[in-house]
Amino acid sequence: MNNRVPSSEPRVPSLDDARDAPSDRRGADPDVVVIGGGPAGSTVSTLLAKQGKTVRLFERERFPRFHIGESLIPETYWVLKQLDMLPKMQASQFVKKYSVQFVNSEGRESAPFYFWDNKPHECSQTWQVVRSEFDTMMLDNAREHGVDVHEGVRVHDVLFDGDRAVGVKIRDAQGFHEIRAKVVVDASGQNGLLMNRLGLRVWDPILNKGAIWTYWENAYRDTGRDEGATLVIQTGNKQGWFWYIPQHDNIVSIGVVAPFDYLFKGRGSYAQTYDEEVELCPGVKQRIAKAQKVTGYFATKDYSYRSTRVAGEGWVLVGDAFGFLDPLYSSGVMLALKSGQLAADAIVEGLSRDDTSEAQLGKWGPLFNEGVDRMRRLVCEYYSGFSFGTMIREYPELRGTLTDLLIGDLFHDGTDKVWGPLESLYEEGKPSIPGWNAGTAASVATDKETLLVLPEGLRRGLQI
């Protein structure tokens, strides 16, 4: 049986870990401190180092470690290229992804949305990744570009002088230390160190979802350019959907997403709930008929939120430390990379001008929020009954524009022409979609918290 998926224990320390020794910290203060070594943290730190800035990154875990969010979308290409990651990705064993396909509650498949047909460029081939491997590659790439990376070091707090962030307080094997920096980047993931300290988190008003998933060996795989397609499979009762993500080593990641109350309240164990949803979903049941489950069940709850600010005086939020949308359409890693890229540009410009104000460090925020809003609307439309098949039949000329949204080409208004025709398909009286900022502040919704539950035998306390 293949045990690759759950093998997320940290590597055994070796002589190579001398790079983490505290003596490194007694030198000159860095230009930038980055909290967290996931895709957003490794992106911003690598791009800063490429511009000659000194960067010290603190990651509380030792990689590799488990993380969900396994499907890339094509717009990650441009940041990966800037990071010098493309040759490494092209040489990897990650499954190549050329399309996304939708399956309805009865098991009927849509025509695939082939990225290449819409944009004939090598960027239209992306990958299905195992995050423990991908994130390690990204962090190692940061090291190779000169980032001073310290794993197994927890940042306890951000240091402030008035309203200005001036460094961090860390704890390692030798005790507590204070590190000063001109800019602090919070890439701490859904824990949201600064977001929580400053009360910035707003829970999405309608995306109150949860997920349960596991990993299968010998599940059905298409062939040719369809082998690596992400499938979005509607559940039998239309309450939610399954992701179906083919990975290397003959593994498929399969998870169900549905409203929190439906999935977790008044139901049995995660295993029972998952199996009940599979039984009602012909699109999944048929594909795993000859497969073997190779892990226990994972679950996550309350993951859709956003910060009211992207930056402040001397600090910036990137990746999940700023917000997370929804697993539908696999935008998570792309948004992490894009936020890291945009933040790095603002930081480099600010340091060159001796300007680390909120206005300078957060100048990319409006553009980024607009892009996230476009993807959020497409997510919300799907949950409220939008059908890609109906849309394409009624407006075939918009197939390319819809594909642009699916590949993550979000940061311009060229795709906004889909919304008028989409609204023409609404049933009479359908309510409008409230904005994300109509949600509840974390200080009020005290019963909500991001939560990841791992199967027995895996380490606890890991980030999604």
Protein backbone atom coordinates (compact mmCIF):
# COMPACT_ATOMS: atom_id res chain seq x y z
CA MET A 1 0.00 0.00 0.00
CA ASN A 2 1.27 3.45 -0.84
CA ASN A 3 1.90 5.56 2.26
CA ARG A 4 3.26 8.68 0.62
CA VAL A 5 0.38 11.00 1.49
CA PRO A 6 0.44 10.82 5.30
CA SER A 7 4.23 10.74 5.65
CA SER A 8 4.50 14.34 6.85
CA GLU A 9 6.86 13.92 9.79
CA PRO A 10 9.71 16.47 9.93
CA ARG A 11 13.12 15.47 8.69
CA VAL A 12 15.72 14.40 11.26
CA PRO A 13 18.02 17.34 12.12
CA SER A 14 21.46 17.07 10.54
CA LEU A 15 24.62 19.09 10.17
CA ASP A 16 22.84 21.05 7.48
CA ASP A 17 20.67 22.54 10.22
CA ALA A 18 23.60 24.68 11.31
CA ARG A 19 21.95 27.30 9.13
CA ASP A 20 19.35 27.56 11.93
CA ALA A 21 21.90 28.27 14.66
CA PRO A 22 21.17 31.34 16.81
CA SER A 23 24.61 32.79 16.05
CA ASP A 24 23.19 33.86 12.69
CA ARG A 25 20.89 36.26 14.53
CA ARG A 26 23.62 38.25 16.24
CA GLY A 27 24.61 39.95 13.00
CA ALA A 28 23.09 43.07 11.50
CA ASP A 29 19.34 43.38 11.60
CA PRO A 30 17.66 42.31 8.33
CA ASP A 31 15.70 44.64 6.11
CA VAL A 32 12.66 42.37 6.35
CA VAL A 33 11.44 39.65 8.68
CA VAL A 34 8.98 37.13 7.23
CA ILE A 35 6.78 35.04 9.54
CA GLY A 36 5.98 31.72 7.88
CA GLY A 37 7.58 29.63 5.15
CA GLY A 38 4.55 28.53 3.12
CA PRO A 39 4.09 29.59 -0.52
CA ALA A 40 3.29 33.23 0.32
CA GLY A 41 6.23 33.58 2.71
CA SER A 42 8.71 31.86 0.44
CA THR A 43 7.51 33.96 -2.52
CA VAL A 44 7.81 37.37 -0.88
CA SER A 45 11.15 36.50 0.73
CA THR A 46 12.68 35.13 -2.49
CA LEU A 47 11.62 38.14 -4.54
CA LEU A 48 12.97 40.53 -1.91
CA ALA A 49 16.29 38.67 -1.78
CA LYS A 50 16.55 38.80 -5.59
CA GLN A 51 16.36 42.58 -5.26
CA GLY A 52 19.27 42.63 -2.83
CA LYS A 53 17.28 42.95 0.39
CA THR A 54 18.31 41.03 3.50
CA VAL A 55 15.49 38.75 4.61
CA ARG A 56 15.16 36.54 7.67
CA LEU A 57 12.33 34.00 7.59
CA PHE A 58 11.03 32.11 10.62
CA GLU A 59 8.92 28.98 10.14
CA ARG A 60 7.49 27.24 13.20
CA GLU A 61 7.40 23.78 11.59
CA ARG A 62 10.21 21.74 10.11
CA PHE A 63 9.48 20.93 6.50
CA PRO A 64 8.18 18.74 4.98
CA ARG A 65 4.83 19.06 6.72
CA PHE A 66 1.27 18.30 5.67
CA HIS A 67 -0.80 21.00 4.02
CA ILE A 68 -3.98 20.96 1.95
CA GLY A 69 -4.45 22.98 -1.26
CA GLU A 70 -3.04 20.63 -3.88
CA SER A 71 -4.19 21.92 -7.25
CA LEU A 72 -2.47 24.83 -8.99
CA ILE A 73 -4.10 27.01 -11.63
CA PRO A 74 -2.32 28.44 -14.67
CA GLU A 75 -1.77 32.00 -13.43
CA THR A 76 0.74 30.64 -10.89
CA TYR A 77 3.08 30.27 -13.87
CA TRP A 78 4.13 33.90 -13.98
CA VAL A 79 5.15 34.08 -10.32
CA LEU A 80 6.86 30.68 -10.48
CA LYS A 81 8.84 31.98 -13.45
CA GLN A 82 9.89 35.09 -11.52
CA LEU A 83 10.96 32.84 -8.63
CA ASP A 84 13.13 30.67 -10.97
CA MET A 85 10.93 27.72 -9.98
CA LEU A 86 9.75 26.63 -13.42
CA PRO A 87 12.71 24.33 -14.20
CA LYS A 88 12.20 22.61 -10.84
CA MET A 89 8.49 22.17 -11.44
CA GLN A 90 9.07 20.87 -14.95
CA ALA A 91 11.58 18.32 -13.64
CA SER A 92 9.30 17.21 -10.79
CA GLN A 93 7.05 14.15 -10.67
CA PHE A 94 3.96 16.29 -10.11
CA VAL A 95 1.03 15.38 -12.37
CA LYS A 96 0.51 17.84 -15.21
CA LYS A 97 -2.86 19.59 -15.24
CA TYR A 98 -4.39 20.90 -18.47
CA SER A 99 -8.04 21.43 -17.58
CA VAL A 100 -10.90 21.52 -15.11
CA GLN A 101 -14.17 19.66 -15.62
CA PHE A 102 -17.55 19.77 -13.89
CA VAL A 103 -19.80 16.79 -13.15
CA ASN A 104 -23.43 17.27 -12.13
CA SER A 105 -25.35 15.49 -9.39
CA GLU A 106 -26.41 12.73 -11.79
CA GLY A 107 -22.86 12.03 -12.95
CA ARG A 108 -23.07 13.83 -16.29
CA GLU A 109 -19.78 15.46 -17.28
CA SER A 110 -19.37 18.87 -18.85
CA ALA A 111 -16.96 19.40 -21.69
CA PRO A 112 -13.54 20.05 -20.14
CA PHE A 113 -12.31 23.63 -19.89
CA TYR A 114 -8.93 23.20 -21.58
CA PHE A 115 -6.62 26.05 -20.61
CA TRP A 116 -4.47 25.70 -23.75
CA ASP A 117 -7.47 26.09 -26.08
CA ASN A 118 -8.10 29.47 -24.49
CA LYS A 119 -4.48 30.58 -24.21
CA PRO A 120 -1.99 28.60 -26.34
CA HIS A 121 1.08 29.23 -24.18
CA GLU A 122 3.11 26.98 -21.89
CA CYS A 123 1.51 28.79 -18.92
CA SER A 124 -1.68 26.85 -19.68
CA GLN A 125 -0.16 23.65 -18.34
CA THR A 126 0.05 23.61 -14.57
CA TRP A 127 0.40 20.93 -11.87
CA GLN A 128 -1.34 18.87 -9.20
CA VAL A 129 1.07 19.00 -6.27
CA VAL A 130 1.67 17.28 -2.97
CA ARG A 131 2.04 20.28 -0.73
CA SER A 132 4.59 18.77 1.63
CA GLU A 133 6.88 18.40 -1.40
CA PHE A 134 5.95 21.62 -3.21
CA ASP A 135 6.27 23.82 -0.13
CA THR A 136 9.67 22.30 0.68
CA MET A 137 10.83 23.03 -2.87
CA MET A 138 9.66 26.63 -2.53
CA LEU A 139 11.40 27.13 0.83
CA ASP A 140 14.61 25.56 -0.40
CA ASN A 141 14.42 27.88 -3.41
CA ALA A 142 14.25 30.84 -1.03
CA ARG A 143 17.42 29.61 0.69
CA GLU A 144 19.16 29.27 -2.66
CA HIS A 145 18.37 32.92 -3.37
CA GLY A 146 19.91 34.09 -0.12
CA VAL A 147 17.00 34.13 2.32
CA ASP A 148 18.11 33.37 5.90
CA VAL A 149 15.62 30.60 6.71
CA HIS A 150 15.08 29.29 10.24
CA GLU A 151 12.78 26.29 10.68
CA GLY A 152 11.42 25.09 13.99
CA VAL A 153 11.34 28.67 15.33
CA ARG A 154 8.07 30.16 16.58
CA VAL A 155 7.35 33.88 16.34
CA HIS A 156 5.57 34.75 19.58
CA ASP A 157 4.72 38.35 18.78
CA VAL A 158 5.31 41.32 16.54
CA LEU A 159 7.14 44.19 18.21
CA PHE A 160 5.59 47.65 17.89
CA ASP A 161 6.80 51.17 18.58
CA GLY A 162 3.49 52.95 18.78
CA ASP A 163 1.56 51.94 15.66
CA ARG A 164 4.69 50.89 13.76
CA ALA A 165 5.92 47.30 13.56
CA VAL A 166 9.67 47.24 14.27
CA GLY A 167 10.48 43.53 14.58
CA VAL A 168 9.47 40.21 16.10
CA LYS A 169 9.96 38.23 19.29
CA ILE A 170 10.92 34.62 18.63
CA ARG A 171 11.56 31.54 20.68
CA ASP A 172 14.01 28.80 19.74
CA ALA A 173 15.97 26.15 21.62
CA GLN A 174 18.10 28.86 23.25
CA GLY A 175 15.15 30.88 24.52
CA PHE A 176 13.54 34.19 23.52
CA HIS A 177 15.14 36.70 21.12
CA GLU A 178 14.08 40.01 19.62
CA ILE A 179 14.82 40.66 15.94
CA ARG A 180 14.48 44.19 14.57
CA ALA A 181 13.56 44.90 10.95
CA LYS A 182 12.35 47.74 8.75
CA VAL A 183 9.37 45.67 7.58
CA VAL A 184 7.55 42.67 9.08
CA VAL A 185 5.66 40.40 6.68
CA ASP A 186 3.04 38.16 8.25
CA ALA A 187 2.77 34.97 6.19
CA SER A 188 1.74 32.87 9.20
CA GLY A 189 -1.20 31.22 7.45
CA GLN A 190 -4.70 30.87 8.81
CA ASN A 191 -3.45 31.41 12.35
CA GLY A 192 -3.14 35.07 11.31
CA LEU A 193 -0.77 36.40 13.96
CA LEU A 194 -1.30 40.09 13.17
CA MET A 195 -4.86 39.65 11.98
CA ASN A 196 -5.81 38.23 15.36
CA ARG A 197 -3.75 40.70 17.40
CA LEU A 198 -5.24 43.70 15.60
CA GLY A 199 -8.79 42.34 15.27
CA LEU A 200 -8.83 42.45 11.46
CA ARG A 201 -10.50 39.12 10.57
CA VAL A 202 -13.98 39.19 9.00
CA TRP A 203 -15.75 35.88 8.41
CA ASP A 204 -17.42 35.61 5.01
CA PRO A 205 -21.19 36.12 5.35
CA ILE A 206 -22.22 33.25 3.08
CA LEU A 207 -19.24 30.94 2.52
CA ASN A 208 -19.76 29.02 5.76
CA LYS A 209 -18.36 25.73 4.51
CA GLY A 210 -16.44 22.75 5.77
CA ALA A 211 -14.63 19.83 4.14
CA ILE A 212 -13.84 16.17 4.79
CA TRP A 213 -11.31 14.35 2.66
CA THR A 214 -9.05 11.34 2.31
CA TYR A 215 -6.64 9.81 -0.22
CA TRP A 216 -7.20 6.86 -2.53
CA GLU A 217 -4.94 4.52 -4.47
CA ASN A 218 -5.97 2.98 -7.82
CA ALA A 219 -8.92 5.34 -8.26
CA TYR A 220 -10.01 5.96 -11.84
CA ARG A 221 -7.77 8.25 -13.89
CA ASP A 222 -8.42 9.57 -17.37
CA THR A 223 -5.69 9.33 -19.99
CA GLY A 224 -3.83 11.76 -22.21
CA ARG A 225 -4.25 15.42 -21.43
CA ASP A 226 -7.27 14.60 -19.24
CA GLU A 227 -5.19 12.49 -16.81
CA GLY A 228 -4.42 15.42 -14.52
CA ALA A 229 -7.73 17.27 -14.75
CA THR A 230 -9.33 18.62 -11.61
CA LEU A 231 -12.92 17.42 -11.36
CA VAL A 232 -15.61 19.36 -9.50
CA ILE A 233 -18.34 16.79 -8.84
CA GLN A 234 -21.69 17.92 -7.47
CA THR A 235 -23.06 15.82 -4.61
CA GLY A 236 -26.17 13.75 -5.21
CA ASN A 237 -28.45 16.04 -3.23
CA LYS A 238 -26.76 19.20 -4.58
CA GLN A 239 -25.80 20.30 -1.08
CA GLY A 240 -22.11 20.45 -1.94
CA TRP A 241 -19.38 19.10 -4.20
CA PHE A 242 -16.39 16.78 -4.28
CA TRP A 243 -12.91 17.67 -5.45
CA TYR A 244 -11.10 14.93 -7.38
CA ILE A 245 -7.38 15.68 -7.76
CA PRO A 246 -5.05 13.09 -9.36
CA GLN A 247 -1.56 13.07 -7.84
CA HIS A 248 1.63 11.17 -8.55
CA ASP A 249 2.31 7.67 -7.20
CA ASN A 250 -1.20 6.60 -8.25
CA ILE A 251 -2.89 8.65 -5.50
CA VAL A 252 -6.08 10.70 -5.85
CA SER A 253 -7.15 13.32 -3.30
CA ILE A 254 -10.94 13.26 -2.92
CA GLY A 255 -12.82 15.59 -0.59
CA VAL A 256 -16.38 16.74 -0.01
CA VAL A 257 -17.24 20.40 0.61
CA ALA A 258 -20.64 21.48 1.91
CA PRO A 259 -22.27 23.97 4.31
CA PHE A 260 -20.87 23.65 7.81
CA ASP A 261 -24.19 22.83 9.48
CA TYR A 262 -25.09 20.21 6.89
CA LEU A 263 -21.71 18.47 7.01
CA PHE A 264 -20.97 18.51 10.73
CA LYS A 265 -24.15 18.96 12.79
CA GLY A 266 -26.27 15.95 13.64
CA ARG A 267 -24.08 13.61 11.59
CA GLY A 268 -21.92 10.69 12.64
CA SER A 269 -18.14 10.40 12.46
CA TYR A 270 -16.16 11.98 9.64
CA ALA A 271 -15.86 8.51 8.09
CA GLN A 272 -19.63 7.96 8.23
CA THR A 273 -20.42 11.37 6.77
CA TYR A 274 -17.88 10.99 3.98
CA ASP A 275 -19.10 7.50 3.06
CA GLU A 276 -22.73 8.67 3.07
CA GLU A 277 -21.90 11.50 0.67
CA VAL A 278 -19.95 9.14 -1.63
CA GLU A 279 -22.88 6.71 -1.67
CA LEU A 280 -25.17 9.50 -2.89
CA CYS A 281 -22.72 10.78 -5.53
CA PRO A 282 -22.47 8.59 -8.66
CA GLY A 283 -19.67 10.74 -10.09
CA VAL A 284 -17.40 9.74 -7.20
CA LYS A 285 -18.77 6.29 -6.37
CA GLN A 286 -18.04 4.96 -9.85
CA ARG A 287 -14.50 6.37 -9.87
CA ILE A 288 -13.45 4.72 -6.61
CA ALA A 289 -15.16 1.36 -7.15
CA LYS A 290 -11.79 -0.42 -7.51
CA ALA A 291 -9.76 1.92 -5.29
CA GLN A 292 -8.30 1.50 -1.81
CA LYS A 293 -8.34 4.23 0.83
CA VAL A 294 -4.77 4.84 2.06
CA THR A 295 -5.26 7.37 4.89
CA GLY A 296 -7.75 8.24 7.56
CA TYR A 297 -10.10 11.21 7.27
CA PHE A 298 -9.11 14.87 7.38
CA ALA A 299 -11.54 17.70 8.12
CA THR A 300 -11.45 21.48 8.15
CA LYS A 301 -14.05 24.06 9.19
CA ASP A 302 -14.58 27.82 9.06
CA TYR A 303 -11.95 28.73 6.51
CA SER A 304 -13.50 31.64 4.55
CA TYR A 305 -12.41 35.03 5.87
CA ARG A 306 -10.53 38.17 4.92
CA SER A 307 -8.64 40.93 6.70
CA THR A 308 -9.92 44.50 6.62
CA ARG A 309 -6.36 45.70 5.88
CA VAL A 310 -3.44 44.34 3.86
CA ALA A 311 -0.82 46.47 5.58
CA GLY A 312 -0.03 49.00 8.30
CA GLU A 313 2.97 51.04 9.37
CA GLY A 314 5.91 48.70 8.86
CA TRP A 315 3.87 45.52 8.37
CA VAL A 316 2.20 43.57 5.54
CA LEU A 317 -0.13 40.55 5.37
CA VAL A 318 0.21 37.95 2.59
CA GLY A 319 -1.37 34.61 1.72
CA ASP A 320 -3.72 33.02 4.24
CA ALA A 321 -2.55 35.53 6.87
CA PHE A 322 -4.59 38.03 4.82
CA GLY A 323 -7.48 35.78 3.84
CA PHE A 324 -8.73 32.53 2.37
CA LEU A 325 -11.61 32.21 -0.07
CA ASP A 326 -12.79 28.67 -0.78
CA PRO A 327 -11.32 25.49 -2.29
CA LEU A 328 -13.64 25.69 -5.29
CA TYR A 329 -11.60 26.57 -8.44
CA SER A 330 -8.30 25.94 -6.57
CA SER A 331 -7.33 29.60 -6.22
CA GLY A 332 -5.54 29.33 -2.86
CA VAL A 333 -1.92 28.84 -3.94
CA MET A 334 -2.27 31.32 -6.81
CA LEU A 335 -3.57 34.02 -4.46
CA ALA A 336 -0.77 33.26 -2.00
CA LEU A 337 1.88 33.63 -4.71
CA LYS A 338 0.25 36.73 -6.19
CA SER A 339 -0.03 38.48 -2.82
CA GLY A 340 3.62 37.67 -2.12
CA GLN A 341 4.64 39.09 -5.49
CA LEU A 342 2.65 42.29 -5.13
CA ALA A 343 3.77 42.82 -1.54
CA ALA A 344 7.43 42.32 -2.52
CA ASP A 345 7.14 45.01 -5.20
CA ALA A 346 5.65 47.46 -2.69
CA ILE A 347 8.29 46.69 -0.07
CA VAL A 348 11.22 47.07 -2.48
CA GLU A 349 9.86 50.40 -3.69
CA GLY A 350 9.19 51.53 -0.12
CA LEU A 351 12.67 50.62 1.15
CA SER A 352 14.26 52.47 -1.78
CA ARG A 353 12.30 55.60 -0.75
CA ASP A 354 12.65 55.07 3.00
CA ASP A 355 8.86 54.85 3.08
CA THR A 356 7.36 51.92 4.96
CA SER A 357 4.02 53.58 5.63
CA GLU A 358 0.69 51.81 5.37
CA ALA A 359 -0.06 53.69 2.15
CA GLN A 360 3.15 52.45 0.51
CA LEU A 361 3.22 48.88 1.81
CA GLY A 362 -0.50 48.38 1.13
CA LYS A 363 -0.74 50.09 -2.26
CA TRP A 364 -1.38 46.74 -3.95
CA GLY A 365 -4.41 46.00 -1.75
CA PRO A 366 -7.22 47.48 -3.89
CA LEU A 367 -6.07 45.62 -7.03
CA PHE A 368 -5.71 42.36 -5.12
CA ASN A 369 -9.09 42.67 -3.41
CA GLU A 370 -10.78 43.32 -6.74
CA GLY A 371 -9.27 40.12 -8.13
CA VAL A 372 -10.31 38.09 -5.10
CA ASP A 373 -13.81 39.56 -5.40
CA ARG A 374 -14.08 38.28 -8.99
CA MET A 375 -13.17 34.76 -7.95
CA ARG A 376 -15.43 35.01 -4.89
CA ARG A 377 -18.39 35.96 -7.05
CA LEU A 378 -17.81 32.95 -9.32
CA VAL A 379 -17.62 30.74 -6.22
CA CYS A 380 -20.83 32.20 -4.76
CA GLU A 381 -22.66 31.87 -8.09
CA TYR A 382 -21.81 28.15 -8.22
CA TYR A 383 -23.13 27.62 -4.71
CA SER A 384 -26.36 29.42 -5.58
CA GLY A 385 -27.06 27.25 -8.64
CA PHE A 386 -24.97 28.64 -11.49
CA SER A 387 -24.42 26.09 -14.28
CA PHE A 388 -21.38 26.38 -16.55
CA GLY A 389 -23.14 24.18 -19.10
CA THR A 390 -26.21 26.42 -19.28
CA MET A 391 -24.05 29.53 -19.49
CA ILE A 392 -22.01 28.15 -22.39
CA ARG A 393 -25.11 27.01 -24.26
CA GLU A 394 -26.72 30.43 -23.92
CA TYR A 395 -23.55 32.49 -24.40
CA PRO A 396 -20.96 30.37 -26.26
CA GLU A 397 -18.92 33.49 -27.02
CA LEU A 398 -18.14 33.82 -23.28
CA ARG A 399 -16.50 30.40 -22.91
CA GLY A 400 -13.06 31.97 -23.20
CA THR A 401 -13.83 34.65 -20.63
CA LEU A 402 -15.12 32.06 -18.15
CA THR A 403 -11.94 30.08 -18.72
CA ASP A 404 -9.93 33.24 -17.98
CA LEU A 405 -11.61 33.37 -14.57
CA LEU A 406 -10.95 29.67 -13.96
CA ILE A 407 -7.23 30.02 -14.75
CA GLY A 408 -6.94 32.92 -12.30
CA ASP A 409 -6.66 35.84 -14.74
CA LEU A 410 -8.46 38.05 -12.24
CA PHE A 411 -6.59 41.30 -11.85
CA HIS A 412 -8.19 43.41 -14.59
CA ASP A 413 -11.74 44.26 -15.57
CA GLY A 414 -11.70 42.38 -18.89
CA THR A 415 -13.56 39.43 -17.37
CA ASP A 416 -16.35 41.55 -15.91
CA LYS A 417 -18.36 41.22 -19.12
CA VAL A 418 -19.57 37.79 -17.93
CA TRP A 419 -21.66 39.14 -15.06
CA GLY A 420 -24.46 40.77 -17.07
CA PRO A 421 -25.21 37.66 -19.16
CA LEU A 422 -24.87 35.50 -16.05
CA GLU A 423 -27.47 37.63 -14.23
CA SER A 424 -29.83 37.24 -17.19
CA LEU A 425 -30.05 33.55 -16.25
CA TYR A 426 -31.16 34.28 -12.67
CA GLU A 427 -34.53 33.05 -11.51
CA GLU A 428 -36.88 35.91 -10.71
CA GLY A 429 -36.43 37.23 -7.20
CA LYS A 430 -32.97 35.77 -6.66
CA PRO A 431 -31.22 37.86 -3.97
CA SER A 432 -27.97 39.62 -4.72
CA ILE A 433 -24.71 38.27 -3.30
CA PRO A 434 -23.57 40.25 -0.25
CA GLY A 435 -20.00 41.51 -0.23
CA TRP A 436 -17.39 39.80 1.92
CA ASN A 437 -17.23 42.84 4.20
CA ALA A 438 -20.88 42.26 5.15
CA GLY A 439 -19.60 39.35 7.24
CA THR A 440 -19.09 39.11 10.98
CA ALA A 441 -15.97 40.36 12.70
CA ALA A 442 -14.03 37.69 14.56
CA SER A 443 -14.40 39.71 17.76
CA VAL A 444 -18.17 39.18 17.53
CA ALA A 445 -18.32 35.64 16.11
CA THR A 446 -16.48 34.10 19.05
CA ASP A 447 -17.79 30.62 18.21
CA LYS A 448 -15.89 30.48 14.92
CA GLU A 449 -12.28 29.46 14.44
CA THR A 450 -10.24 27.90 11.67
CA LEU A 451 -9.74 24.24 12.49
CA LEU A 452 -7.87 21.37 10.86
CA VAL A 453 -8.47 17.82 12.12
CA LEU A 454 -5.92 15.19 11.13
CA PRO A 455 -6.25 11.39 11.17
CA GLU A 456 -4.79 9.52 14.11
CA GLY A 457 -1.04 9.07 13.72
CA LEU A 458 -0.36 12.39 12.04
CA ARG A 459 1.15 15.31 13.95
CA ARG A 460 -1.29 17.78 15.47
CA GLY A 461 -1.28 21.54 15.20
CA LEU A 462 -0.43 21.72 11.52
CA GLN A 463 -1.58 24.55 9.26
CA ILE A 464 -3.81 23.97 6.30
